[in-house]
PDB file of all heavy atoms in Angstrom:
ATOM      1  N   ASP A   1      94.901  86.856  95.624  1.00  0.00           N
ATOM      2  CA  ASP A   1      95.360  88.233  95.792  1.00  0.00           C
ATOM      3  C   ASP A   1      96.728  88.378  95.136  1.00  0.00           C
ATOM      4  O   ASP A   1      97.348  87.392  94.731  1.00  0.00           O
ATOM      5  CB  ASP A   1      95.368  88.662  97.268  1.00  0.00           C
ATOM      6  CG  ASP A   1      96.359  87.877  98.119  1.00  0.00           C
ATOM      7  OD1 ASP A   1      97.494  87.612  97.674  1.00  0.00           O
ATOM      8  OD2 ASP A   1      95.998  87.533  99.264  1.00  0.00           O
ATOM      9  N   GLU A   2      97.187  89.610  95.020  1.00  0.00           N
ATOM     10  CA  GLU A   2      98.408  89.887  94.260  1.00  0.00           C
ATOM     11  C   GLU A   2      99.628  89.174  94.840  1.00  0.00           C
ATOM     12  O   GLU A   2     100.446  88.625  94.101  1.00  0.00           O
ATOM     13  CB  GLU A   2      98.653  91.397  94.190  1.00  0.00           C
ATOM     14  CG  GLU A   2      99.824  91.745  93.290  1.00  0.00           C
ATOM     15  CD  GLU A   2     100.002  93.246  93.114  1.00  0.00           C
ATOM     16  OE1 GLU A   2      99.135  94.025  93.546  1.00  0.00           O
ATOM     17  OE2 GLU A   2     101.021  93.621  92.519  1.00  0.00           O
ATOM     18  N   GLU A   3      99.760  89.162  96.163  1.00  0.00           N
ATOM     19  CA  GLU A   3     100.915  88.516  96.788  1.00  0.00           C
ATOM     20  C   GLU A   3     100.931  87.018  96.500  1.00  0.00           C
ATOM     21  O   GLU A   3     101.965  86.453  96.150  1.00  0.00           O
ATOM     22  CB  GLU A   3     100.888  88.769  98.294  1.00  0.00           C
ATOM     23  CG  GLU A   3     102.141  88.299  98.999  1.00  0.00           C
ATOM     24  CD  GLU A   3     102.117  88.675 100.477  1.00  0.00           C
ATOM     25  OE1 GLU A   3     101.771  89.821 100.796  1.00  0.00           O
ATOM     26  OE2 GLU A   3     102.455  87.788 101.289  1.00  0.00           O
ATOM     27  N   GLU A   4      99.771  86.370  96.638  1.00  0.00           N
ATOM     28  CA  GLU A   4      99.663  84.937  96.335  1.00  0.00           C
ATOM     29  C   GLU A   4      99.962  84.670  94.865  1.00  0.00           C
ATOM     30  O   GLU A   4     100.638  83.704  94.523  1.00  0.00           O
ATOM     31  CB  GLU A   4      98.261  84.411  96.655  1.00  0.00           C
ATOM     32  CG  GLU A   4      97.917  84.313  98.109  1.00  0.00           C
ATOM     33  CD  GLU A   4      96.474  83.867  98.332  1.00  0.00           C
ATOM     34  OE1 GLU A   4      95.638  84.007  97.407  1.00  0.00           O
ATOM     35  OE2 GLU A   4      96.187  83.375  99.425  1.00  0.00           O
ATOM     36  N   ALA A   5      99.444  85.537  93.989  1.00  0.00           N
ATOM     37  CA  ALA A   5      99.649  85.362  92.544  1.00  0.00           C
ATOM     38  C   ALA A   5     101.124  85.460  92.195  1.00  0.00           C
ATOM     39  O   ALA A   5     101.635  84.642  91.414  1.00  0.00           O
ATOM     40  CB  ALA A   5      98.835  86.392  91.768  1.00  0.00           C
ATOM     41  N   ILE A   6     101.805  86.422  92.771  1.00  0.00           N
ATOM     42  CA  ILE A   6     103.232  86.596  92.491  1.00  0.00           C
ATOM     43  C   ILE A   6     104.004  85.359  92.924  1.00  0.00           C
ATOM     44  O   ILE A   6     104.862  84.849  92.185  1.00  0.00           O
ATOM     45  CB  ILE A   6     103.773  87.868  93.185  1.00  0.00           C
ATOM     46  CG1 ILE A   6     103.199  89.105  92.490  1.00  0.00           C
ATOM     47  CG2 ILE A   6     105.294  87.893  93.191  1.00  0.00           C
ATOM     48  CD1 ILE A   6     103.440  90.410  93.235  1.00  0.00           C
ATOM     49  N   GLU A   7     103.701  84.833  94.113  1.00  0.00           N
ATOM     50  CA  GLU A   7     104.387  83.644  94.616  1.00  0.00           C
ATOM     51  C   GLU A   7     104.108  82.431  93.728  1.00  0.00           C
ATOM     52  O   GLU A   7     105.028  81.698  93.339  1.00  0.00           O
ATOM     53  CB  GLU A   7     103.949  83.349  96.048  1.00  0.00           C
ATOM     54  CG  GLU A   7     104.583  82.092  96.621  1.00  0.00           C
ATOM     55  CD  GLU A   7     104.068  81.717  97.999  1.00  0.00           C
ATOM     56  OE1 GLU A   7     103.125  82.359  98.504  1.00  0.00           O
ATOM     57  OE2 GLU A   7     104.610  80.749  98.563  1.00  0.00           O
ATOM     58  N   MET A   8     102.854  82.229  93.383  1.00  0.00           N
ATOM     59  CA  MET A   8     102.486  81.062  92.579  1.00  0.00           C
ATOM     60  C   MET A   8     103.075  81.156  91.174  1.00  0.00           C
ATOM     61  O   MET A   8     103.624  80.176  90.654  1.00  0.00           O
ATOM     62  CB  MET A   8     100.971  80.904  92.524  1.00  0.00           C
ATOM     63  CG  MET A   8     100.511  79.642  91.828  1.00  0.00           C
ATOM     64  SD  MET A   8      98.729  79.437  92.011  1.00  0.00           S
ATOM     65  CE  MET A   8      98.497  77.875  91.172  1.00  0.00           C
ATOM     66  N   GLU A   9     102.971  82.318  90.556  1.00  0.00           N
ATOM     67  CA  GLU A   9     103.503  82.490  89.207  1.00  0.00           C
ATOM     68  C   GLU A   9     105.014  82.308  89.174  1.00  0.00           C
ATOM     69  O   GLU A   9     105.556  81.716  88.231  1.00  0.00           O
ATOM     70  CB  GLU A   9     103.105  83.854  88.653  1.00  0.00           C
ATOM     71  CG  GLU A   9     101.620  83.936  88.341  1.00  0.00           C
ATOM     72  CD  GLU A   9     101.160  85.330  87.958  1.00  0.00           C
ATOM     73  OE1 GLU A   9     101.997  86.240  87.764  1.00  0.00           O
ATOM     74  OE2 GLU A   9      99.928  85.532  87.858  1.00  0.00           O
ATOM     75  N   ALA A  10     105.721  82.799  90.183  1.00  0.00           N
ATOM     76  CA  ALA A  10     107.179  82.639  90.237  1.00  0.00           C
ATOM     77  C   ALA A  10     107.552  81.161  90.337  1.00  0.00           C
ATOM     78  O   ALA A  10     108.488  80.695  89.673  1.00  0.00           O
ATOM     79  CB  ALA A  10     107.753  83.426  91.407  1.00  0.00           C
ATOM     80  N   LEU A  11     106.814  80.429  91.166  1.00  0.00           N
ATOM     81  CA  LEU A  11     107.085  79.000  91.308  1.00  0.00           C
ATOM     82  C   LEU A  11     106.773  78.264  90.009  1.00  0.00           C
ATOM     83  O   LEU A  11     107.568  77.435  89.556  1.00  0.00           O
ATOM     84  CB  LEU A  11     106.270  78.418  92.471  1.00  0.00           C
ATOM     85  CG  LEU A  11     106.457  76.928  92.753  1.00  0.00           C
ATOM     86  CD1 LEU A  11     107.927  76.565  92.943  1.00  0.00           C
ATOM     87  CD2 LEU A  11     105.630  76.524  93.964  1.00  0.00           C
ATOM     88  N   GLU A  12     105.650  78.576  89.384  1.00  0.00           N
ATOM     89  CA  GLU A  12     105.310  77.950  88.103  1.00  0.00           C
ATOM     90  C   GLU A  12     106.404  78.218  87.074  1.00  0.00           C
ATOM     91  O   GLU A  12     106.846  77.300  86.366  1.00  0.00           O
ATOM     92  CB  GLU A  12     103.990  78.497  87.570  1.00  0.00           C
ATOM     93  CG  GLU A  12     102.774  78.043  88.317  1.00  0.00           C
ATOM     94  CD  GLU A  12     101.521  78.731  87.821  1.00  0.00           C
ATOM     95  OE1 GLU A  12     101.177  78.547  86.643  1.00  0.00           O
ATOM     96  OE2 GLU A  12     100.889  79.444  88.606  1.00  0.00           O
ATOM     97  N   SER A  13     106.832  79.460  86.977  1.00  0.00           N
ATOM     98  CA  SER A  13     107.863  79.836  86.008  1.00  0.00           C
ATOM     99  C   SER A  13     109.157  79.080  86.256  1.00  0.00           C
ATOM    100  O   SER A  13     109.797  78.609  85.316  1.00  0.00           O
ATOM    101  CB  SER A  13     108.102  81.347  86.053  1.00  0.00           C
ATOM    102  OG  SER A  13     106.930  82.040  85.680  1.00  0.00           O
ATOM    103  N   ALA A  14     109.549  78.957  87.532  1.00  0.00           N
ATOM    104  CA  ALA A  14     110.784  78.240  87.863  1.00  0.00           C
ATOM    105  C   ALA A  14     110.663  76.754  87.526  1.00  0.00           C
ATOM    106  O   ALA A  14     111.600  76.164  86.977  1.00  0.00           O
ATOM    107  CB  ALA A  14     111.107  78.424  89.351  1.00  0.00           C
ATOM    108  N   LEU A  15     109.526  76.147  87.856  1.00  0.00           N
ATOM    109  CA  LEU A  15     109.334  74.725  87.554  1.00  0.00           C
ATOM    110  C   LEU A  15     109.336  74.483  86.047  1.00  0.00           C
ATOM    111  O   LEU A  15     109.948  73.524  85.562  1.00  0.00           O
ATOM    112  CB  LEU A  15     108.033  74.215  88.173  1.00  0.00           C
ATOM    113  CG  LEU A  15     107.999  74.181  89.705  1.00  0.00           C
ATOM    114  CD1 LEU A  15     106.600  73.844  90.201  1.00  0.00           C
ATOM    115  CD2 LEU A  15     109.025  73.194  90.250  1.00  0.00           C
ATOM    116  N   LEU A  16     108.662  75.355  85.309  1.00  0.00           N
ATOM    117  CA  LEU A  16     108.646  75.207  83.849  1.00  0.00           C
ATOM    118  C   LEU A  16     110.031  75.424  83.259  1.00  0.00           C
ATOM    119  O   LEU A  16     110.446  74.701  82.348  1.00  0.00           O
ATOM    120  CB  LEU A  16     107.623  76.159  83.234  1.00  0.00           C
ATOM    121  CG  LEU A  16     106.167  75.785  83.546  1.00  0.00           C
ATOM    122  CD1 LEU A  16     105.231  76.930  83.199  1.00  0.00           C
ATOM    123  CD2 LEU A  16     105.761  74.509  82.814  1.00  0.00           C
ATOM    124  N   ALA A  17     110.780  76.389  83.796  1.00  0.00           N
ATOM    125  CA  ALA A  17     112.151  76.629  83.313  1.00  0.00           C
ATOM    126  C   ALA A  17     113.009  75.387  83.531  1.00  0.00           C
ATOM    127  O   ALA A  17     113.848  75.054  82.678  1.00  0.00           O
ATOM    128  CB  ALA A  17     112.752  77.839  84.013  1.00  0.00           C
ATOM    129  N   SER A  18     112.793  74.671  84.642  1.00  0.00           N
ATOM    130  CA  SER A  18     113.564  73.454  84.904  1.00  0.00           C
ATOM    131  C   SER A  18     113.272  72.374  83.869  1.00  0.00           C
ATOM    132  O   SER A  18     114.062  71.442  83.706  1.00  0.00           O
ATOM    133  CB  SER A  18     113.275  72.926  86.320  1.00  0.00           C
ATOM    134  OG  SER A  18     112.010  72.284  86.384  1.00  0.00           O
ATOM    135  N   LEU A  19     112.152  72.525  83.164  1.00  0.00           N
ATOM    136  CA  LEU A  19     111.774  71.584  82.100  1.00  0.00           C
ATOM    137  C   LEU A  19     112.088  72.134  80.707  1.00  0.00           C
ATOM    138  O   LEU A  19     111.721  71.535  79.711  1.00  0.00           O
ATOM    139  CB  LEU A  19     110.269  71.279  82.202  1.00  0.00           C
ATOM    140  CG  LEU A  19     109.798  70.641  83.507  1.00  0.00           C
ATOM    141  CD1 LEU A  19     108.276  70.602  83.562  1.00  0.00           C
ATOM    142  CD2 LEU A  19     110.383  69.244  83.660  1.00  0.00           C
ATOM    143  N   GLY A  20     112.717  73.316  80.665  1.00  0.00           N
ATOM    144  CA  GLY A  20     113.061  73.930  79.382  1.00  0.00           C
ATOM    145  C   GLY A  20     111.892  74.626  78.710  1.00  0.00           C
ATOM    146  O   GLY A  20     111.895  74.814  77.490  1.00  0.00           O
ATOM    147  N   ILE A  21     110.897  75.028  79.493  1.00  0.00           N
ATOM    148  CA  ILE A  21     109.710  75.687  78.948  1.00  0.00           C
ATOM    149  C   ILE A  21     109.736  77.156  79.333  1.00  0.00           C
ATOM    150  O   ILE A  21     109.986  77.506  80.489  1.00  0.00           O
ATOM    151  CB  ILE A  21     108.422  75.009  79.479  1.00  0.00           C
ATOM    152  CG1 ILE A  21     108.396  73.544  79.004  1.00  0.00           C
ATOM    153  CG2 ILE A  21     107.175  75.755  79.012  1.00  0.00           C
ATOM    154  CD1 ILE A  21     107.290  72.710  79.616  1.00  0.00           C
ATOM    155  N   ALA A  22     109.468  78.012  78.355  1.00  0.00           N
ATOM    156  CA  ALA A  22     109.520  79.459  78.560  1.00  0.00           C
ATOM    157  C   ALA A  22     108.514  79.914  79.615  1.00  0.00           C
ATOM    158  O   ALA A  22     107.469  79.295  79.817  1.00  0.00           O
ATOM    159  CB  ALA A  22     109.236  80.182  77.241  1.00  0.00           C
ATOM    160  N   ASP A  23     108.835  81.018  80.247  1.00  0.00           N
ATOM    161  CA  ASP A  23     107.989  81.623  81.271  1.00  0.00           C
ATOM    162  C   ASP A  23     106.643  82.000  80.660  1.00  0.00           C
ATOM    163  O   ASP A  23     106.568  82.850  79.777  1.00  0.00           O
ATOM    164  CB  ASP A  23     108.681  82.863  81.830  1.00  0.00           C
ATOM    165  CG  ASP A  23     107.914  83.543  82.948  1.00  0.00           C
ATOM    166  OD1 ASP A  23     106.771  83.142  83.248  1.00  0.00           O
ATOM    167  OD2 ASP A  23     108.464  84.497  83.518  1.00  0.00           O
ATOM    168  N   PRO A  24     105.551  81.382  81.131  1.00  0.00           N
ATOM    169  CA  PRO A  24     104.241  81.683  80.553  1.00  0.00           C
ATOM    170  C   PRO A  24     103.739  83.080  80.908  1.00  0.00           C
ATOM    171  O   PRO A  24     102.810  83.579  80.281  1.00  0.00           O
ATOM    172  CB  PRO A  24     103.320  80.618  81.153  1.00  0.00           C
ATOM    173  CG  PRO A  24     103.972  80.257  82.438  1.00  0.00           C
ATOM    174  CD  PRO A  24     105.459  80.391  82.201  1.00  0.00           C
ATOM    175  N   TYR A  25     104.363  83.709  81.894  1.00  0.00           N
ATOM    176  CA  TYR A  25     103.941  85.044  82.328  1.00  0.00           C
ATOM    177  C   TYR A  25     104.876  86.131  81.830  1.00  0.00           C
ATOM    178  O   TYR A  25     104.600  87.305  81.995  1.00  0.00           O
ATOM    179  CB  TYR A  25     103.875  85.105  83.859  1.00  0.00           C
ATOM    180  CG  TYR A  25     102.920  84.096  84.429  1.00  0.00           C
ATOM    181  CD1 TYR A  25     103.387  82.959  85.089  1.00  0.00           C
ATOM    182  CD2 TYR A  25     101.546  84.262  84.298  1.00  0.00           C
ATOM    183  CE1 TYR A  25     102.504  82.031  85.613  1.00  0.00           C
ATOM    184  CE2 TYR A  25     100.661  83.327  84.806  1.00  0.00           C
ATOM    185  CZ  TYR A  25     101.143  82.222  85.466  1.00  0.00           C
ATOM    186  OH  TYR A  25     100.271  81.292  85.975  1.00  0.00           O
ATOM    187  N   GLY A  26     106.001  85.724  81.241  1.00  0.00           N
ATOM    188  CA  GLY A  26     107.011  86.685  80.825  1.00  0.00           C
ATOM    189  C   GLY A  26     106.703  87.341  79.496  1.00  0.00           C
ATOM    190  O   GLY A  26     105.893  86.869  78.705  1.00  0.00           O
TER     191      GLY A  26
END
């Protein structure tokens, strides 16, 4: 659902940013 997706995508984006990888959803 949308709430779960927002939470998961935000976490993925933050973890990838910590590795120097651009936001895949941005």
